[in-house]
Amino acid sequence: MREYRLVMDTNSEDFDRAMVIYRSSFPENERLPEKKLAEKITNQEFQLLVSYEESKVSFMAILCPLKETNFSLLGYVAVAENLRGKGIGEDFLKYLGKELKEKDEFLLLEVENPASGDNQATKQRRLNFYQRLGAKILDKVRFLLPNLWNETPPEMLLMIYPFYPLNYIKRELVEKLINKVYEDFYEQYQHPNIELLCKNIPDIVNLI
């Protein structure tokens, strides 16, 4: 069984290897600066989890517990380029889903919307991956990443994983989660996107 390790030393080889995977997996306009990641991990505001193949870091994930909720944002999850397609990411989500279920906690996922922009087939495959594992989309909830690198941020879907006990969540919780993602993960306080995104959320948000 694959093992996962929490990395807290940002001067370690494990952290450096995780950052190599991070840089190769996400476009610049979706990445937080590595210096900021290191600071947040050191302060225990973020959690960096890794796993190994042949004693080398092959997988990395960054989680951000969202304050005053029982949700954590899955900020980034990635597998080393030469090991993709071997089920490593799926193993991790199944492991994490089991851990969260025991604590009555949940993941909030940001997934690119296949209906928006280019590379729609790739985006749809990613969405299908999460749905196959049981993640649910927050229906009729729009989400945008903050503009990190002066480029147009992609349209996103928000998803909940693992199985949520209800088939809906209330507007107030969705608003809180959006605020906490912007504040706790991106350090964007009173960002204009927050008001924009919260404006048209239904009173009851179905999980589909």
C-alpha atoms as a PDB file:
ATOM      1  CA  MET A   1       0.000   0.000   0.000  1.00  0.00           C
ATOM      2  CA  ARG A   2       1.310   3.423  -0.954  1.00  0.00           C
ATOM      3  CA  GLU A   3       2.284   5.638   1.993  1.00  0.00           C
ATOM      4  CA  TYR A   4       1.902   9.395   2.287  1.00  0.00           C
ATOM      5  CA  ARG A   5       4.146  11.702   4.244  1.00  0.00           C
ATOM      6  CA  LEU A   6       3.540  15.215   5.511  1.00  0.00           C
ATOM      7  CA  VAL A   7       6.466  17.460   4.531  1.00  0.00           C
ATOM      8  CA  MET A   8       7.092  20.347   6.933  1.00  0.00           C
ATOM      9  CA  ASP A   9      10.760  21.097   6.213  1.00  0.00           C
ATOM     10  CA  THR A  10      10.832  23.390   3.179  1.00  0.00           C
ATOM     11  CA  ASN A  11      14.622  23.114   3.002  1.00  0.00           C
ATOM     12  CA  SER A  12      14.406  19.378   2.372  1.00  0.00           C
ATOM     13  CA  GLU A  13      14.986  17.349  -0.781  1.00  0.00           C
ATOM     14  CA  ASP A  14      11.376  16.163  -0.599  1.00  0.00           C
ATOM     15  CA  PHE A  15      10.120  19.740  -0.799  1.00  0.00           C
ATOM     16  CA  ASP A  16      12.425  20.545  -3.719  1.00  0.00           C
ATOM     17  CA  ARG A  17      11.264  17.472  -5.632  1.00  0.00           C
ATOM     18  CA  ALA A  18       7.620  18.349  -4.936  1.00  0.00           C
ATOM     19  CA  MET A  19       8.240  21.803  -6.405  1.00  0.00           C
ATOM     20  CA  VAL A  20       9.677  20.276  -9.583  1.00  0.00           C
ATOM     21  CA  ILE A  21       6.418  18.351 -10.008  1.00  0.00           C
ATOM     22  CA  TYR A  22       4.441  21.510  -9.165  1.00  0.00           C
ATOM     23  CA  ARG A  23       6.178  23.617 -11.826  1.00  0.00           C
ATOM     24  CA  SER A  24       5.751  20.975 -14.518  1.00  0.00           C
ATOM     25  CA  SER A  25       2.067  20.396 -13.770  1.00  0.00           C
ATOM     26  CA  PHE A  26       0.454  23.819 -13.527  1.00  0.00           C
ATOM     27  CA  PRO A  27       0.577  26.888 -15.808  1.00  0.00           C
ATOM     28  CA  GLU A  28       2.127  29.970 -14.269  1.00  0.00           C
ATOM     29  CA  ASN A  29      -1.195  31.833 -14.078  1.00  0.00           C
ATOM     30  CA  GLU A  30      -2.541  29.109 -11.741  1.00  0.00           C
ATOM     31  CA  ARG A  31       0.492  28.777  -9.448  1.00  0.00           C
ATOM     32  CA  LEU A  32       1.086  30.527  -6.167  1.00  0.00           C
ATOM     33  CA  PRO A  33       4.719  31.673  -5.819  1.00  0.00           C
ATOM     34  CA  GLU A  34       6.887  28.925  -4.355  1.00  0.00           C
ATOM     35  CA  LYS A  35       8.172  31.281  -1.679  1.00  0.00           C
ATOM     36  CA  LYS A  36       4.581  31.801  -0.526  1.00  0.00           C
ATOM     37  CA  LEU A  37       3.935  28.053  -0.490  1.00  0.00           C
ATOM     38  CA  ALA A  38       7.040  27.500   1.629  1.00  0.00           C
ATOM     39  CA  GLU A  39       5.972  30.188   4.088  1.00  0.00           C
ATOM     40  CA  LYS A  40       2.464  28.755   4.426  1.00  0.00           C
ATOM     41  CA  ILE A  41       3.757  25.208   4.892  1.00  0.00           C
ATOM     42  CA  THR A  42       6.249  26.345   7.537  1.00  0.00           C
ATOM     43  CA  ASN A  43       3.458  28.185   9.377  1.00  0.00           C
ATOM     44  CA  GLN A  44       1.229  25.084   9.102  1.00  0.00           C
ATOM     45  CA  GLU A  45      -1.422  26.997   7.178  1.00  0.00           C
ATOM     46  CA  PHE A  46      -0.918  24.597   4.250  1.00  0.00           C
ATOM     47  CA  GLN A  47      -0.229  20.872   4.306  1.00  0.00           C
ATOM     48  CA  LEU A  48       2.147  19.329   1.755  1.00  0.00           C
ATOM     49  CA  LEU A  49       1.643  15.597   1.285  1.00  0.00           C
ATOM     50  CA  VAL A  50       3.938  13.471  -0.859  1.00  0.00           C
ATOM     51  CA  SER A  51       4.323   9.819  -1.820  1.00  0.00           C
ATOM     52  CA  TYR A  52       7.255   7.923  -3.272  1.00  0.00           C
ATOM     53  CA  GLU A  53       8.180   5.570  -6.090  1.00  0.00           C
ATOM     54  CA  GLU A  54      11.623   3.958  -5.829  1.00  0.00           C
ATOM     55  CA  SER A  55      12.507   6.271  -2.912  1.00  0.00           C
ATOM     56  CA  LYS A  56      11.823   9.433  -4.949  1.00  0.00           C
ATOM     57  CA  VAL A  57       8.920  11.829  -4.522  1.00  0.00           C
ATOM     58  CA  SER A  58       6.464  10.926  -7.264  1.00  0.00           C
ATOM     59  CA  PHE A  59       3.368  12.787  -6.124  1.00  0.00           C
ATOM     60  CA  MET A  60       2.501  16.011  -4.321  1.00  0.00           C
ATOM     61  CA  ALA A  61      -0.659  17.575  -2.965  1.00  0.00           C
ATOM     62  CA  ILE A  62      -1.229  20.846  -1.138  1.00  0.00           C
ATOM     63  CA  LEU A  63      -4.226  21.202   1.150  1.00  0.00           C
ATOM     64  CA  CYS A  64      -5.449  24.327   2.880  1.00  0.00           C
ATOM     65  CA  PRO A  65      -7.798  23.869   5.853  1.00  0.00           C
ATOM     66  CA  LEU A  66     -10.480  26.557   5.523  1.00  0.00           C
ATOM     67  CA  LYS A  67     -10.941  28.294   8.863  1.00  0.00           C
ATOM     68  CA  GLU A  68     -14.240  27.994  10.709  1.00  0.00           C
ATOM     69  CA  THR A  69     -15.400  25.139   8.449  1.00  0.00           C
ATOM     70  CA  ASN A  70     -14.947  21.371   8.173  1.00  0.00           C
ATOM     71  CA  PHE A  71     -13.579  21.787   4.631  1.00  0.00           C
ATOM     72  CA  SER A  72     -10.077  21.877   3.216  1.00  0.00           C
ATOM     73  CA  LEU A  73      -9.273  23.203  -0.227  1.00  0.00           C
ATOM     74  CA  LEU A  74      -7.325  20.785  -2.418  1.00  0.00           C
ATOM     75  CA  GLY A  75      -5.173  23.555  -3.803  1.00  0.00           C
ATOM     76  CA  TYR A  76      -2.887  21.441  -5.982  1.00  0.00           C
ATOM     77  CA  VAL A  77      -2.478  17.757  -6.741  1.00  0.00           C
ATOM     78  CA  ALA A  78       0.031  16.409  -9.266  1.00  0.00           C
ATOM     79  CA  VAL A  79       2.018  13.331 -10.282  1.00  0.00           C
ATOM     80  CA  ALA A  80       5.541  13.282 -11.727  1.00  0.00           C
ATOM     81  CA  GLU A  81       5.387  13.417 -15.529  1.00  0.00           C
ATOM     82  CA  ASN A  82       6.957   9.989 -16.081  1.00  0.00           C
ATOM     83  CA  LEU A  83       4.479   8.283 -13.729  1.00  0.00           C
ATOM     84  CA  ARG A  84       1.161   9.667 -14.908  1.00  0.00           C
ATOM     85  CA  GLY A  85      -1.553   7.225 -15.865  1.00  0.00           C
ATOM     86  CA  LYS A  86      -0.595   4.685 -13.191  1.00  0.00           C
ATOM     87  CA  GLY A  87      -3.441   5.445 -10.787  1.00  0.00           C
ATOM     88  CA  ILE A  88      -1.310   7.375  -8.277  1.00  0.00           C
ATOM     89  CA  GLY A  89      -3.679  10.354  -8.080  1.00  0.00           C
ATOM     90  CA  GLU A  90      -6.692   8.087  -7.749  1.00  0.00           C
ATOM     91  CA  ASP A  91      -5.032   6.142  -4.923  1.00  0.00           C
ATOM     92  CA  PHE A  92      -4.386   9.388  -3.080  1.00  0.00           C
ATOM     93  CA  LEU A  93      -7.962  10.637  -3.348  1.00  0.00           C
ATOM     94  CA  LYS A  94      -9.336   7.309  -2.144  1.00  0.00           C
ATOM     95  CA  TYR A  95      -6.919   7.377   0.792  1.00  0.00           C
ATOM     96  CA  LEU A  96      -7.783  10.979   1.632  1.00  0.00           C
ATOM     97  CA  GLY A  97     -11.501  10.384   1.223  1.00  0.00           C
ATOM     98  CA  LYS A  98     -11.360   7.604   3.787  1.00  0.00           C
ATOM     99  CA  GLU A  99      -9.365   9.761   6.221  1.00  0.00           C
ATOM    100  CA  LEU A 100     -11.788  12.684   5.850  1.00  0.00           C
ATOM    101  CA  LYS A 101     -14.899  10.544   6.195  1.00  0.00           C
ATOM    102  CA  GLU A 102     -13.708   9.271   9.564  1.00  0.00           C
ATOM    103  CA  LYS A 103     -13.390  12.895  10.773  1.00  0.00           C
ATOM    104  CA  ASP A 104     -16.616  14.167   9.118  1.00  0.00           C
ATOM    105  CA  GLU A 105     -14.563  16.530   6.966  1.00  0.00           C
ATOM    106  CA  PHE A 106     -14.608  17.299   3.255  1.00  0.00           C
ATOM    107  CA  LEU A 107     -12.503  18.537   0.374  1.00  0.00           C
ATOM    108  CA  LEU A 108     -13.399  21.494  -1.784  1.00  0.00           C
ATOM    109  CA  LEU A 109     -12.043  21.076  -5.316  1.00  0.00           C
ATOM    110  CA  GLU A 110     -11.412  23.749  -7.958  1.00  0.00           C
ATOM    111  CA  VAL A 111     -11.779  22.105 -11.385  1.00  0.00           C
ATOM    112  CA  GLU A 112     -11.553  23.896 -14.709  1.00  0.00           C
ATOM    113  CA  ASN A 113     -14.911  24.231 -16.452  1.00  0.00           C
ATOM    114  CA  PRO A 114     -14.913  22.198 -19.711  1.00  0.00           C
ATOM    115  CA  ALA A 115     -17.497  24.575 -21.178  1.00  0.00           C
ATOM    116  CA  SER A 116     -15.056  27.486 -21.057  1.00  0.00           C
ATOM    117  CA  GLY A 117     -11.893  28.272 -23.012  1.00  0.00           C
ATOM    118  CA  ASP A 118      -9.556  25.911 -24.840  1.00  0.00           C
ATOM    119  CA  ASN A 119      -8.514  22.289 -24.194  1.00  0.00           C
ATOM    120  CA  GLN A 120     -12.090  21.280 -23.506  1.00  0.00           C
ATOM    121  CA  ALA A 121     -11.447  17.554 -23.951  1.00  0.00           C
ATOM    122  CA  THR A 122      -8.628  17.623 -21.389  1.00  0.00           C
ATOM    123  CA  LYS A 123     -10.771  19.576 -18.949  1.00  0.00           C
ATOM    124  CA  GLN A 124     -13.631  17.124 -19.402  1.00  0.00           C
ATOM    125  CA  ARG A 125     -11.340  14.179 -18.636  1.00  0.00           C
ATOM    126  CA  ARG A 126     -10.272  15.840 -15.385  1.00  0.00           C
ATOM    127  CA  LEU A 127     -13.881  16.507 -14.442  1.00  0.00           C
ATOM    128  CA  ASN A 128     -14.844  12.909 -15.284  1.00  0.00           C
ATOM    129  CA  PHE A 129     -11.975  11.674 -13.085  1.00  0.00           C
ATOM    130  CA  TYR A 130     -13.315  13.447 -10.005  1.00  0.00           C
ATOM    131  CA  GLN A 131     -16.906  12.510 -10.756  1.00  0.00           C
ATOM    132  CA  ARG A 132     -15.963   8.844 -11.145  1.00  0.00           C
ATOM    133  CA  LEU A 133     -14.549   8.950  -7.612  1.00  0.00           C
ATOM    134  CA  GLY A 134     -17.782  10.434  -6.277  1.00  0.00           C
ATOM    135  CA  ALA A 135     -17.114  14.181  -6.224  1.00  0.00           C
ATOM    136  CA  LYS A 136     -20.166  16.390  -6.765  1.00  0.00           C
ATOM    137  CA  ILE A 137     -20.418  19.744  -8.560  1.00  0.00           C
ATOM    138  CA  LEU A 138     -21.954  22.728  -6.781  1.00  0.00           C
ATOM    139  CA  ASP A 139     -24.662  23.414  -9.340  1.00  0.00           C
ATOM    140  CA  LYS A 140     -25.138  26.961 -10.646  1.00  0.00           C
ATOM    141  CA  VAL A 141     -22.154  28.249  -8.651  1.00  0.00           C
ATOM    142  CA  ARG A 142     -19.620  30.210 -10.677  1.00  0.00           C
ATOM    143  CA  PHE A 143     -15.997  30.344  -9.518  1.00  0.00           C
ATOM    144  CA  LEU A 144     -12.952  32.249 -10.746  1.00  0.00           C
ATOM    145  CA  LEU A 145      -9.398  32.067  -9.551  1.00  0.00           C
ATOM    146  CA  PRO A 146      -7.990  35.444  -8.528  1.00  0.00           C
ATOM    147  CA  ASN A 147      -5.720  37.021 -11.107  1.00  0.00           C
ATOM    148  CA  LEU A 148      -2.306  35.819  -9.904  1.00  0.00           C
ATOM    149  CA  TRP A 149      -0.064  36.754 -12.831  1.00  0.00           C
ATOM    150  CA  ASN A 150      -1.888  39.503 -14.760  1.00  0.00           C
ATOM    151  CA  GLU A 151      -3.498  36.935 -17.023  1.00  0.00           C
ATOM    152  CA  THR A 152      -7.180  36.119 -17.434  1.00  0.00           C
ATOM    153  CA  PRO A 153      -8.018  33.467 -14.829  1.00  0.00           C
ATOM    154  CA  PRO A 154      -9.889  30.357 -16.002  1.00  0.00           C
ATOM    155  CA  GLU A 155     -13.530  29.637 -15.255  1.00  0.00           C
ATOM    156  CA  MET A 156     -13.762  26.940 -12.603  1.00  0.00           C
ATOM    157  CA  LEU A 157     -16.280  24.560 -11.102  1.00  0.00           C
ATOM    158  CA  LEU A 158     -16.385  23.906  -7.365  1.00  0.00           C
ATOM    159  CA  MET A 159     -16.798  20.295  -6.259  1.00  0.00           C
ATOM    160  CA  ILE A 160     -17.152  18.485  -2.922  1.00  0.00           C
ATOM    161  CA  TYR A 161     -15.442  15.194  -2.098  1.00  0.00           C
ATOM    162  CA  PRO A 162     -15.953  12.604  -0.645  1.00  0.00           C
ATOM    163  CA  PHE A 163     -19.656  11.665  -0.402  1.00  0.00           C
ATOM    164  CA  TYR A 164     -21.597  14.511   1.222  1.00  0.00           C
ATOM    165  CA  PRO A 165     -24.459  13.443   3.554  1.00  0.00           C
ATOM    166  CA  LEU A 166     -26.970  15.719   1.782  1.00  0.00           C
ATOM    167  CA  ASN A 167     -27.643  16.303  -1.912  1.00  0.00           C
ATOM    168  CA  TYR A 168     -27.445  20.067  -1.395  1.00  0.00           C
ATOM    169  CA  ILE A 169     -25.752  22.754   0.672  1.00  0.00           C
ATOM    170  CA  LYS A 170     -27.104  26.136   1.686  1.00  0.00           C
ATOM    171  CA  ARG A 171     -26.150  29.455   0.167  1.00  0.00           C
ATOM    172  CA  GLU A 172     -24.581  30.709   3.411  1.00  0.00           C
ATOM    173  CA  LEU A 173     -22.062  27.873   3.484  1.00  0.00           C
ATOM    174  CA  VAL A 174     -21.139  28.348  -0.182  1.00  0.00           C
ATOM    175  CA  GLU A 175     -20.549  32.054   0.404  1.00  0.00           C
ATOM    176  CA  LYS A 176     -18.375  31.255   3.397  1.00  0.00           C
ATOM    177  CA  LEU A 177     -16.342  28.707   1.447  1.00  0.00           C
ATOM    178  CA  ILE A 178     -15.719  31.150  -1.411  1.00  0.00           C
ATOM    179  CA  ASN A 179     -14.624  33.830   1.042  1.00  0.00           C
ATOM    180  CA  LYS A 180     -12.329  31.425   2.885  1.00  0.00           C
ATOM    181  CA  VAL A 181     -10.716  30.166  -0.325  1.00  0.00           C
ATOM    182  CA  TYR A 182      -9.873  33.713  -1.339  1.00  0.00           C
ATOM    183  CA  GLU A 183      -8.667  34.678   2.134  1.00  0.00           C
ATOM    184  CA  ASP A 184      -7.007  31.534   3.526  1.00  0.00           C
ATOM    185  CA  PHE A 185      -5.491  30.173   0.317  1.00  0.00           C
ATOM    186  CA  TYR A 186      -4.919  33.152  -1.970  1.00  0.00           C
ATOM    187  CA  GLU A 187      -4.626  35.894   0.692  1.00  0.00           C
ATOM    188  CA  GLN A 188      -7.033  38.025  -1.320  1.00  0.00           C
ATOM    189  CA  TYR A 189      -9.160  39.984   1.136  1.00  0.00           C
ATOM    190  CA  GLN A 190     -12.226  41.879  -0.075  1.00  0.00           C
ATOM    191  CA  HIS A 191     -11.346  40.907  -3.633  1.00  0.00           C
ATOM    192  CA  PRO A 192     -13.975  42.197  -6.130  1.00  0.00           C
ATOM    193  CA  ASN A 193     -14.467  38.642  -7.402  1.00  0.00           C
ATOM    194  CA  ILE A 194     -15.955  37.609  -4.054  1.00  0.00           C
ATOM    195  CA  GLU A 195     -18.981  39.888  -4.388  1.00  0.00           C
ATOM    196  CA  LEU A 196     -19.330  38.943  -8.061  1.00  0.00           C
ATOM    197  CA  LEU A 197     -19.270  35.213  -7.358  1.00  0.00           C
ATOM    198  CA  CYS A 198     -21.598  35.337  -4.361  1.00  0.00           C
ATOM    199  CA  LYS A 199     -24.180  37.579  -6.003  1.00  0.00           C
ATOM    200  CA  ASN A 200     -26.249  34.939  -7.810  1.00  0.00           C
ATOM    201  CA  ILE A 201     -25.820  31.834  -5.643  1.00  0.00           C
ATOM    202  CA  PRO A 202     -29.175  30.040  -5.171  1.00  0.00           C
ATOM    203  CA  ASP A 203     -30.540  29.717  -1.628  1.00  0.00           C
ATOM    204  CA  ILE A 204     -30.192  25.951  -1.993  1.00  0.00           C
ATOM    205  CA  VAL A 205     -27.239  24.697  -4.027  1.00  0.00           C
ATOM    206  CA  ASN A 206     -27.789  21.229  -5.442  1.00  0.00           C
ATOM    207  CA  LEU A 207     -24.873  18.781  -5.631  1.00  0.00           C
ATOM    208  CA  ILE A 208     -24.912  17.076  -9.025  1.00  0.00           C
END
